[in-house]
Amino acid sequence: VAVGPAGHPAGDGVGELVGDHVERPVDLSWTLFASLALRAASHSGFQAPDAFWKDLVTGTLRCLEREREVELVGAGKRTVAGFSYRIGENATGSMTTAGLSIHAIAEELTDGRLPPALRTRMASTRELALNWIAERMMWSCNPPVEHAHHYYWVYGLERVGVLLGLERIGNVDWYGDGAAYLIQAQNADGSWNPAGYVDHQYMDSLLALLFLKRATMRETGESSPRTALETREADADVRLR
């Protein structure tokens, strides 16, 4: 979103003529994957410059929809705004979790060094996007009603919950409810594939496991001070700890 091919600014959501073909503008998924990769690289000591994160955050804001006011159950009137896949498109759950995740990673890796005005905008955007999710919270599909990228949305809730340190999103215990949903939705062969797409079986299974593992959480390398509960049977098909 922030930067297109060869470092040029991204398009306006329509597409740009490059040579003799139309090149689609950079989308929010690519931006999320780049952010996750750089977060992983930071574990090994690599640090992208703060200017990079400033551009990245500014770029993602171009995919934020217009604000609107809604009535949230038990919370009264709230202002909401979600993120879209590309500029000018409709917001979805998977992309709203992507936008929140990108901003959270940028905050984590810049440690307060982004410009104050931008950090203020990020804070207000976080509230808008979390309100959007609270209004649309569901496990059965990628809201508002998309069956595409269903488990990308479910895994997105894990990232948001972990990165923002949230036990609840809206009034929902996101991990408890999400884990219960995934356990119920698992196929007899151990896989997940809610829409039945042949080419989604492995991808959906991986995304479900990332959620259940809380895979976004940083590893401390230290033992838990609490007593560990683990499977004792050495020949068990699945061992848990």
Protein backbone atom coordinates (compact mmCIF):
# COMPACT_ATOMS: atom_id res chain seq x y z
CA VAL A 1 0.00 0.00 0.00
CA ALA A 2 2.72 2.44 0.92
CA VAL A 3 5.14 1.55 -1.84
CA GLY A 4 4.59 -0.02 -5.23
CA PRO A 5 6.99 -1.88 -7.55
CA ALA A 6 10.54 -0.52 -7.62
CA GLY A 7 9.73 1.83 -4.75
CA HIS A 8 7.20 3.94 -6.65
CA PRO A 9 4.00 5.10 -4.90
CA ALA A 10 1.16 2.63 -5.13
CA GLY A 11 -1.77 3.21 -7.45
CA ASP A 12 -5.14 4.71 -6.62
CA GLY A 13 -6.99 1.39 -6.51
CA VAL A 14 -7.77 1.21 -10.24
CA GLY A 15 -4.53 -0.08 -11.72
CA GLU A 16 -1.59 1.41 -13.60
CA LEU A 17 -0.42 0.78 -17.17
CA VAL A 18 3.05 -0.76 -17.02
CA GLY A 19 4.44 -1.55 -20.46
CA ASP A 20 1.59 -3.17 -22.35
CA HIS A 21 -0.37 -4.54 -19.38
CA VAL A 22 -2.29 -3.21 -16.42
CA GLU A 23 -0.60 -3.84 -13.08
CA ARG A 24 -2.91 -4.12 -10.09
CA PRO A 25 -2.11 -1.79 -7.18
CA VAL A 26 -0.41 -3.22 -4.13
CA ASP A 27 -2.91 -4.72 -1.69
CA LEU A 28 -3.20 -4.88 2.08
CA SER A 29 -2.43 -8.61 2.27
CA TRP A 30 1.00 -8.12 0.74
CA THR A 31 1.62 -5.30 3.16
CA LEU A 32 0.65 -7.53 6.09
CA PHE A 33 2.93 -10.34 4.94
CA ALA A 34 5.85 -7.91 4.64
CA SER A 35 5.16 -6.62 8.16
CA LEU A 36 5.03 -10.14 9.59
CA ALA A 37 8.27 -11.05 7.82
CA LEU A 38 10.05 -7.97 9.18
CA ARG A 39 8.74 -8.72 12.67
CA ALA A 40 10.17 -12.22 12.39
CA ALA A 41 13.48 -10.79 11.12
CA SER A 42 13.60 -8.47 14.13
CA HIS A 43 13.89 -11.53 16.37
CA SER A 44 17.31 -12.07 14.75
CA GLY A 45 18.39 -8.46 15.14
CA PHE A 46 17.32 -6.89 11.84
CA GLN A 47 15.62 -3.51 12.20
CA ALA A 48 13.90 -1.68 9.36
CA PRO A 49 14.33 2.12 9.58
CA ASP A 50 11.62 4.14 11.30
CA ALA A 51 10.94 6.02 8.05
CA PHE A 52 9.92 2.72 6.47
CA TRP A 53 7.32 2.06 9.17
CA LYS A 54 6.05 5.65 8.93
CA ASP A 55 5.45 5.20 5.19
CA LEU A 56 3.88 1.78 5.74
CA VAL A 57 1.42 3.02 8.37
CA THR A 58 0.53 6.08 6.29
CA GLY A 59 -0.08 3.87 3.28
CA THR A 60 -2.39 1.45 5.12
CA LEU A 61 -4.56 4.38 6.22
CA ARG A 62 -5.51 4.86 2.56
CA CYS A 63 -7.48 1.60 2.84
CA LEU A 64 -9.52 2.78 5.84
CA GLU A 65 -13.19 3.26 4.96
CA ARG A 66 -15.29 6.28 5.91
CA GLU A 67 -16.36 6.46 9.54
CA ARG A 68 -19.96 5.73 10.46
CA GLU A 69 -21.93 5.54 13.69
CA VAL A 70 -23.57 2.30 14.86
CA GLU A 71 -25.30 0.94 17.93
CA LEU A 72 -23.24 -1.79 19.61
CA VAL A 73 -25.07 -4.23 21.87
CA GLY A 74 -24.31 -3.34 25.47
CA ALA A 75 -21.99 -0.49 24.48
CA GLY A 76 -24.26 2.19 23.03
CA LYS A 77 -23.38 4.30 20.01
CA ARG A 78 -19.87 3.89 18.61
CA THR A 79 -18.01 5.17 15.56
CA VAL A 80 -16.61 2.40 13.37
CA ALA A 81 -14.38 2.07 10.30
CA GLY A 82 -12.80 -1.03 8.80
CA PHE A 83 -9.98 -1.65 6.33
CA SER A 84 -10.42 -2.79 2.72
CA TYR A 85 -8.26 -5.01 0.53
CA ARG A 86 -7.53 -2.14 -1.88
CA ILE A 87 -8.27 1.57 -1.83
CA GLY A 88 -11.95 2.34 -2.38
CA GLU A 89 -13.22 -1.20 -1.84
CA ASN A 90 -15.57 -2.34 0.93
CA ALA A 91 -14.13 -3.22 4.31
CA THR A 92 -13.92 -6.87 5.38
CA GLY A 93 -13.03 -8.63 8.60
CA SER A 94 -9.85 -10.19 7.26
CA MET A 95 -8.55 -6.84 6.00
CA THR A 96 -9.56 -5.00 9.15
CA THR A 97 -7.49 -7.43 11.22
CA ALA A 98 -4.68 -6.96 8.68
CA GLY A 99 -4.71 -3.17 9.07
CA LEU A 100 -4.75 -3.44 12.86
CA SER A 101 -1.90 -5.95 12.78
CA ILE A 102 0.29 -3.78 10.54
CA HIS A 103 -0.13 -0.80 12.85
CA ALA A 104 0.50 -2.89 15.96
CA ILE A 105 3.72 -4.33 14.48
CA ALA A 106 4.88 -0.84 13.48
CA GLU A 107 4.27 0.40 17.02
CA GLU A 108 6.06 -2.59 18.52
CA LEU A 109 9.15 -2.23 16.35
CA THR A 110 9.48 1.57 16.53
CA ASP A 111 8.92 1.77 20.31
CA GLY A 112 7.35 5.23 20.38
CA ARG A 113 9.61 6.81 17.76
CA LEU A 114 6.92 7.49 15.13
CA PRO A 115 5.75 11.12 14.83
CA PRO A 116 3.28 12.05 17.63
CA ALA A 117 0.56 13.09 15.17
CA LEU A 118 0.77 9.74 13.38
CA ARG A 119 0.68 7.82 16.66
CA THR A 120 -2.45 9.76 17.65
CA ARG A 121 -4.05 8.87 14.31
CA MET A 122 -3.08 5.23 14.82
CA ALA A 123 -4.70 5.19 18.25
CA SER A 124 -7.98 6.59 16.92
CA THR A 125 -7.88 4.18 13.97
CA ARG A 126 -7.34 1.26 16.34
CA GLU A 127 -10.51 2.21 18.25
CA LEU A 128 -12.50 2.59 15.02
CA ALA A 129 -11.34 -0.77 13.66
CA LEU A 130 -11.91 -2.64 16.94
CA ASN A 131 -15.42 -1.18 17.06
CA TRP A 132 -15.93 -2.38 13.46
CA ILE A 133 -14.93 -5.90 14.50
CA ALA A 134 -17.12 -5.78 17.62
CA GLU A 135 -20.12 -4.87 15.45
CA ARG A 136 -19.43 -7.63 12.92
CA MET A 137 -17.99 -10.32 15.22
CA MET A 138 -18.81 -13.80 13.93
CA TRP A 139 -17.01 -17.09 13.36
CA SER A 140 -19.11 -18.57 10.56
CA CYS A 141 -17.69 -16.39 7.76
CA ASN A 142 -15.41 -13.48 6.93
CA PRO A 143 -17.67 -10.49 7.71
CA PRO A 144 -19.71 -8.91 6.49
CA VAL A 145 -20.82 -12.05 4.59
CA GLU A 146 -17.80 -13.39 2.70
CA HIS A 147 -16.97 -17.09 2.65
CA ALA A 148 -13.70 -16.33 0.86
CA HIS A 149 -10.70 -16.00 3.17
CA HIS A 150 -12.78 -17.29 6.08
CA TYR A 151 -9.89 -18.68 8.15
CA TYR A 152 -7.66 -15.77 7.19
CA TRP A 153 -10.17 -13.74 9.23
CA VAL A 154 -10.13 -16.25 12.11
CA TYR A 155 -6.32 -16.20 12.23
CA GLY A 156 -6.49 -12.40 11.95
CA LEU A 157 -8.42 -12.28 15.22
CA GLU A 158 -5.60 -14.20 16.88
CA ARG A 159 -3.04 -11.71 15.61
CA VAL A 160 -5.09 -8.74 16.80
CA GLY A 161 -5.75 -10.29 20.19
CA VAL A 162 -2.09 -11.13 20.80
CA LEU A 163 -0.50 -8.01 19.28
CA LEU A 164 -2.84 -5.66 21.17
CA GLY A 165 -2.82 -7.72 24.36
CA LEU A 166 -6.60 -8.21 24.39
CA GLU A 167 -8.40 -10.96 26.28
CA ARG A 168 -11.71 -9.85 24.75
CA ILE A 169 -12.64 -8.18 21.47
CA GLY A 170 -15.87 -6.33 22.09
CA ASN A 171 -17.76 -8.59 24.48
CA VAL A 172 -16.25 -11.78 23.07
CA ASP A 173 -13.61 -14.01 24.65
CA TRP A 174 -11.91 -14.28 21.28
CA TYR A 175 -9.61 -17.19 22.09
CA GLY A 176 -12.07 -19.30 24.08
CA ASP A 177 -14.89 -18.84 21.59
CA GLY A 178 -12.61 -19.20 18.58
CA ALA A 179 -10.98 -22.37 19.88
CA ALA A 180 -14.39 -23.90 20.63
CA TYR A 181 -15.53 -23.03 17.10
CA LEU A 182 -12.45 -24.58 15.49
CA ILE A 183 -12.66 -27.78 17.54
CA GLN A 184 -16.28 -28.20 16.47
CA ALA A 185 -15.44 -27.39 12.84
CA GLN A 186 -12.52 -29.83 12.48
CA ASN A 187 -13.02 -32.59 9.93
CA ALA A 188 -12.81 -36.27 10.81
CA ASP A 189 -9.40 -36.54 9.11
CA GLY A 190 -8.02 -33.73 11.33
CA SER A 191 -8.13 -31.00 8.66
CA TRP A 192 -10.14 -27.79 8.35
CA ASN A 193 -11.82 -26.74 5.11
CA PRO A 194 -15.13 -24.99 5.87
CA ALA A 195 -15.98 -24.00 2.30
CA GLY A 196 -14.98 -27.36 0.82
CA TYR A 197 -12.50 -25.89 -1.68
CA VAL A 198 -9.97 -28.52 -2.74
CA ASP A 199 -7.08 -26.06 -2.83
CA HIS A 200 -7.93 -24.61 0.60
CA GLN A 201 -7.63 -27.74 2.74
CA TYR A 202 -3.97 -27.30 3.67
CA MET A 203 -4.14 -23.51 3.92
CA ASP A 204 -7.21 -23.53 6.16
CA SER A 205 -5.68 -26.24 8.36
CA LEU A 206 -2.52 -24.20 8.82
CA LEU A 207 -4.47 -21.04 9.65
CA ALA A 208 -6.59 -22.93 12.20
CA LEU A 209 -3.45 -24.28 13.88
CA LEU A 210 -1.87 -20.81 13.98
CA PHE A 211 -4.95 -19.58 15.84
CA LEU A 212 -5.02 -22.47 18.31
CA LYS A 213 -1.30 -22.11 19.04
CA ARG A 214 -1.55 -18.31 19.51
CA ALA A 215 1.32 -18.30 17.05
CA THR A 216 1.78 -14.52 17.04
CA MET A 217 2.91 -14.51 20.67
CA ARG A 218 6.63 -13.94 21.15
CA GLU A 219 8.57 -16.77 22.76
CA THR A 220 10.46 -15.69 25.87
CA GLY A 221 12.72 -18.73 26.02
CA GLU A 222 11.95 -19.00 29.73
CA SER A 223 10.07 -21.78 31.47
CA SER A 224 6.60 -21.02 32.73
CA PRO A 225 6.48 -20.44 36.50
CA ARG A 226 3.24 -22.42 36.59
CA THR A 227 3.00 -26.19 36.73
CA ALA A 228 2.97 -27.69 33.24
CA LEU A 229 0.13 -29.99 32.19
CA GLU A 230 1.08 -32.44 29.45
CA THR A 231 0.11 -35.70 27.80
CA ARG A 232 1.78 -38.61 29.56
CA GLU A 233 1.12 -41.37 27.00
CA ALA A 234 4.22 -41.69 24.84
CA ASP A 235 2.27 -43.39 22.03
CA ALA A 236 -0.53 -40.79 21.85
CA ASP A 237 -1.42 -39.58 18.34
CA VAL A 238 -1.27 -36.01 19.58
CA ARG A 239 0.71 -34.84 22.59
CA LEU A 240 -0.13 -31.56 24.30
CA ARG A 241 1.86 -29.47 26.78
